[in-house]
Amino acid sequence: MTRLYARNPNVTEKRMDDAVFLAHPDTGALYRLNVTGTALWTLLENPVGADDAIEVLAQAFPAQSHEQIAKDVAQVLADFEKNDLLA
């Protein structure tokens, strides 16, 4: 069974111009997302598997190699999980 990732519903999102910030209510930590983080966070509005996220981002960013996108998605998901940003 493929794991589905979703946002932690307690995390607050704030968009300012092109920047996206996440605030964790329990820790008070604030995170600024890069382009990959922002795209992945947007996808996580609905539960999504890593493979599906990679495919969507590969289509959205055709100039990037599939391997690089897969590596970036794995890293961002690990960071999100480590910082309790996922449900």
N, C-alpha and C. Protein backbone atom coordinates (compact mmCIF):
# COMPACT_ATOMS: atom_id res chain seq x y z
N MET A 1 0.84 -1.19 0.00
CA MET A 1 0.00 0.00 0.00
C MET A 1 0.89 1.25 0.00
N THR A 2 0.55 2.19 -0.82
CA THR A 2 1.30 3.44 -0.93
C THR A 2 0.89 4.39 0.18
N ARG A 3 1.89 4.95 0.83
CA ARG A 3 1.60 5.93 1.88
C ARG A 3 1.10 7.22 1.26
N LEU A 4 0.06 7.77 1.83
CA LEU A 4 -0.44 9.06 1.40
C LEU A 4 -0.01 10.11 2.42
N TYR A 5 0.46 11.22 1.91
CA TYR A 5 0.92 12.33 2.75
C TYR A 5 -0.13 13.43 2.69
N ALA A 6 -0.32 14.11 3.82
CA ALA A 6 -1.27 15.22 3.88
C ALA A 6 -0.74 16.24 4.88
N ARG A 7 -1.24 17.44 4.76
CA ARG A 7 -0.85 18.53 5.66
C ARG A 7 -1.34 18.26 7.08
N ASN A 8 -0.56 18.70 8.04
CA ASN A 8 -1.01 18.76 9.42
C ASN A 8 -2.04 19.89 9.45
N PRO A 9 -3.30 19.61 9.80
CA PRO A 9 -4.34 20.65 9.75
C PRO A 9 -4.12 21.78 10.75
N ASN A 10 -3.25 21.59 11.71
CA ASN A 10 -3.00 22.62 12.72
C ASN A 10 -1.97 23.65 12.26
N VAL A 11 -1.25 23.34 11.19
CA VAL A 11 -0.22 24.25 10.68
C VAL A 11 -0.89 25.37 9.90
N THR A 12 -0.45 26.59 10.16
CA THR A 12 -0.98 27.77 9.49
C THR A 12 -0.10 28.15 8.32
N GLU A 13 -0.72 28.45 7.20
CA GLU A 13 -0.01 28.88 6.00
C GLU A 13 -0.26 30.36 5.77
N LYS A 14 0.80 31.07 5.42
CA LYS A 14 0.69 32.50 5.08
C LYS A 14 1.46 32.73 3.80
N ARG A 15 0.82 33.34 2.81
CA ARG A 15 1.47 33.67 1.53
C ARG A 15 1.68 35.18 1.49
N MET A 16 2.91 35.56 1.19
CA MET A 16 3.26 36.97 1.05
C MET A 16 4.03 37.13 -0.25
N ASP A 17 3.41 37.75 -1.23
CA ASP A 17 3.97 37.85 -2.57
C ASP A 17 4.24 36.43 -3.07
N ASP A 18 5.51 36.11 -3.40
CA ASP A 18 5.86 34.78 -3.89
C ASP A 18 6.31 33.84 -2.79
N ALA A 19 6.36 34.32 -1.56
CA ALA A 19 6.87 33.51 -0.45
C ALA A 19 5.72 32.82 0.28
N VAL A 20 5.98 31.58 0.73
CA VAL A 20 5.03 30.83 1.52
C VAL A 20 5.70 30.49 2.85
N PHE A 21 5.00 30.79 3.93
CA PHE A 21 5.49 30.53 5.28
C PHE A 21 4.52 29.58 5.97
N LEU A 22 5.06 28.67 6.76
CA LEU A 22 4.25 27.77 7.58
C LEU A 22 4.58 28.04 9.03
N ALA A 23 3.56 28.07 9.86
CA ALA A 23 3.75 28.27 11.30
C ALA A 23 3.17 27.07 12.03
N HIS A 24 3.99 26.47 12.89
CA HIS A 24 3.53 25.33 13.68
C HIS A 24 3.03 25.85 15.02
N PRO A 25 1.77 25.61 15.36
CA PRO A 25 1.20 26.20 16.57
C PRO A 25 1.78 25.66 17.87
N ASP A 26 2.22 24.42 17.89
CA ASP A 26 2.72 23.81 19.13
C ASP A 26 4.15 24.24 19.46
N THR A 27 4.97 24.37 18.41
CA THR A 27 6.38 24.71 18.64
C THR A 27 6.66 26.19 18.44
N GLY A 28 5.77 26.90 17.74
CA GLY A 28 6.01 28.29 17.41
C GLY A 28 7.00 28.47 16.28
N ALA A 29 7.45 27.36 15.69
CA ALA A 29 8.43 27.43 14.61
C ALA A 29 7.79 27.99 13.34
N LEU A 30 8.59 28.73 12.59
CA LEU A 30 8.17 29.33 11.33
C LEU A 30 9.08 28.80 10.24
N TYR A 31 8.51 28.37 9.13
CA TYR A 31 9.27 27.80 8.02
C TYR A 31 8.96 28.56 6.74
N ARG A 32 9.99 28.90 5.99
CA ARG A 32 9.81 29.51 4.68
C ARG A 32 10.09 28.43 3.65
N LEU A 33 9.14 28.23 2.74
CA LEU A 33 9.26 27.16 1.76
C LEU A 33 9.97 27.65 0.50
N ASN A 34 10.79 26.77 -0.07
CA ASN A 34 11.39 27.04 -1.38
C ASN A 34 10.38 26.65 -2.45
N VAL A 35 10.77 26.72 -3.71
CA VAL A 35 9.84 26.44 -4.81
C VAL A 35 9.30 25.02 -4.73
N THR A 36 10.18 24.05 -4.48
CA THR A 36 9.73 22.66 -4.38
C THR A 36 8.82 22.48 -3.18
N GLY A 37 9.18 23.05 -2.05
CA GLY A 37 8.36 22.95 -0.85
C GLY A 37 6.98 23.56 -1.06
N THR A 38 6.95 24.70 -1.73
CA THR A 38 5.67 25.36 -2.01
C THR A 38 4.80 24.50 -2.91
N ALA A 39 5.39 23.97 -3.98
CA ALA A 39 4.62 23.13 -4.90
C ALA A 39 4.11 21.89 -4.20
N LEU A 40 4.96 21.27 -3.39
CA LEU A 40 4.56 20.06 -2.68
C LEU A 40 3.49 20.37 -1.63
N TRP A 41 3.65 21.47 -0.91
CA TRP A 41 2.66 21.87 0.10
C TRP A 41 1.30 22.08 -0.57
N THR A 42 1.29 22.68 -1.74
CA THR A 42 0.05 22.89 -2.48
C THR A 42 -0.59 21.54 -2.84
N LEU A 43 0.22 20.60 -3.30
CA LEU A 43 -0.30 19.27 -3.63
C LEU A 43 -0.86 18.56 -2.40
N LEU A 44 -0.27 18.81 -1.25
CA LEU A 44 -0.68 18.12 -0.02
C LEU A 44 -2.00 18.63 0.55
N GLU A 45 -2.64 19.55 -0.16
CA GLU A 45 -3.96 20.00 0.28
C GLU A 45 -4.91 18.79 0.32
N ASN A 46 -4.69 17.85 -0.59
CA ASN A 46 -5.38 16.57 -0.60
C ASN A 46 -4.33 15.49 -0.46
N PRO A 47 -4.63 14.40 0.25
CA PRO A 47 -3.62 13.35 0.43
C PRO A 47 -3.06 12.88 -0.91
N VAL A 48 -1.75 12.71 -0.94
CA VAL A 48 -1.07 12.30 -2.18
C VAL A 48 0.11 11.40 -1.82
N GLY A 49 0.36 10.43 -2.68
CA GLY A 49 1.52 9.57 -2.53
C GLY A 49 2.75 10.25 -3.12
N ALA A 50 3.92 9.82 -2.68
CA ALA A 50 5.17 10.43 -3.16
C ALA A 50 5.32 10.26 -4.67
N ASP A 51 5.01 9.07 -5.20
CA ASP A 51 5.17 8.84 -6.63
C ASP A 51 4.26 9.75 -7.45
N ASP A 52 3.03 9.94 -6.99
CA ASP A 52 2.12 10.83 -7.70
C ASP A 52 2.61 12.28 -7.63
N ALA A 53 3.13 12.68 -6.48
CA ALA A 53 3.66 14.04 -6.33
C ALA A 53 4.84 14.25 -7.28
N ILE A 54 5.70 13.26 -7.38
CA ILE A 54 6.86 13.36 -8.28
C ILE A 54 6.38 13.54 -9.72
N GLU A 55 5.39 12.77 -10.13
CA GLU A 55 4.89 12.86 -11.51
C GLU A 55 4.28 14.23 -11.79
N VAL A 56 3.49 14.75 -10.86
CA VAL A 56 2.88 16.07 -11.05
C VAL A 56 3.96 17.14 -11.16
N LEU A 57 4.96 17.08 -10.27
CA LEU A 57 6.03 18.09 -10.30
C LEU A 57 6.91 17.94 -11.53
N ALA A 58 7.11 16.72 -12.01
CA ALA A 58 7.89 16.51 -13.23
C ALA A 58 7.20 17.15 -14.42
N GLN A 59 5.88 17.11 -14.44
CA GLN A 59 5.13 17.77 -15.51
C GLN A 59 5.16 19.28 -15.36
N ALA A 60 5.12 19.75 -14.12
CA ALA A 60 5.13 21.20 -13.87
C ALA A 60 6.50 21.83 -14.10
N PHE A 61 7.56 21.04 -13.92
CA PHE A 61 8.93 21.54 -14.06
C PHE A 61 9.69 20.66 -15.05
N PRO A 62 9.33 20.71 -16.34
CA PRO A 62 9.94 19.80 -17.32
C PRO A 62 11.44 20.02 -17.54
N ALA A 63 11.96 21.16 -17.16
CA ALA A 63 13.39 21.42 -17.34
C ALA A 63 14.23 20.67 -16.30
N GLN A 64 13.61 20.22 -15.23
CA GLN A 64 14.32 19.49 -14.18
C GLN A 64 14.28 18.00 -14.48
N SER A 65 15.35 17.30 -14.14
CA SER A 65 15.38 15.86 -14.36
C SER A 65 14.42 15.17 -13.39
N HIS A 66 13.88 14.08 -13.83
CA HIS A 66 12.98 13.28 -13.01
C HIS A 66 13.69 12.84 -11.73
N GLU A 67 14.95 12.46 -11.86
CA GLU A 67 15.74 12.00 -10.71
C GLU A 67 15.91 13.12 -9.68
N GLN A 68 16.16 14.34 -10.15
CA GLN A 68 16.32 15.46 -9.22
C GLN A 68 15.02 15.77 -8.51
N ILE A 69 13.92 15.73 -9.25
CA ILE A 69 12.62 15.98 -8.64
C ILE A 69 12.32 14.92 -7.59
N ALA A 70 12.59 13.66 -7.89
CA ALA A 70 12.36 12.58 -6.93
C ALA A 70 13.19 12.78 -5.67
N LYS A 71 14.43 13.19 -5.85
CA LYS A 71 15.32 13.44 -4.71
C LYS A 71 14.78 14.61 -3.88
N ASP A 72 14.39 15.68 -4.55
CA ASP A 72 13.87 16.87 -3.86
C ASP A 72 12.58 16.56 -3.10
N VAL A 73 11.67 15.81 -3.73
CA VAL A 73 10.41 15.46 -3.07
C VAL A 73 10.69 14.62 -1.83
N ALA A 74 11.58 13.65 -1.93
CA ALA A 74 11.91 12.82 -0.78
C ALA A 74 12.47 13.67 0.36
N GLN A 75 13.34 14.63 0.01
CA GLN A 75 13.95 15.48 1.04
C GLN A 75 12.91 16.40 1.69
N VAL A 76 12.05 16.99 0.89
CA VAL A 76 11.04 17.90 1.44
C VAL A 76 10.05 17.13 2.31
N LEU A 77 9.61 15.96 1.85
CA LEU A 77 8.69 15.17 2.67
C LEU A 77 9.35 14.77 3.99
N ALA A 78 10.63 14.41 3.95
CA ALA A 78 11.35 14.07 5.18
C ALA A 78 11.42 15.28 6.11
N ASP A 79 11.69 16.46 5.54
CA ASP A 79 11.74 17.68 6.34
C ASP A 79 10.36 18.01 6.94
N PHE A 80 9.32 17.89 6.12
CA PHE A 80 7.96 18.14 6.61
C PHE A 80 7.64 17.18 7.77
N GLU A 81 7.99 15.91 7.58
CA GLU A 81 7.69 14.92 8.61
C GLU A 81 8.49 15.20 9.89
N LYS A 82 9.76 15.49 9.74
CA LYS A 82 10.63 15.77 10.89
C LYS A 82 10.11 16.95 11.71
N ASN A 83 9.53 17.92 11.02
CA ASN A 83 9.05 19.14 11.70
C ASN A 83 7.56 19.09 12.01
N ASP A 84 6.96 17.90 11.93
CA ASP A 84 5.56 17.70 12.30
C ASP A 84 4.61 18.56 11.48
N LEU A 85 4.91 18.70 10.19
CA LEU A 85 4.05 19.48 9.31
C LEU A 85 3.07 18.59 8.55
N LEU A 86 3.20 17.27 8.72
CA LEU A 86 2.32 16.33 8.05
C LEU A 86 1.35 15.71 9.05
N ALA A 87 0.17 15.33 8.53
CA ALA A 87 -0.84 14.67 9.37
C ALA A 87 -0.47 13.23 9.58
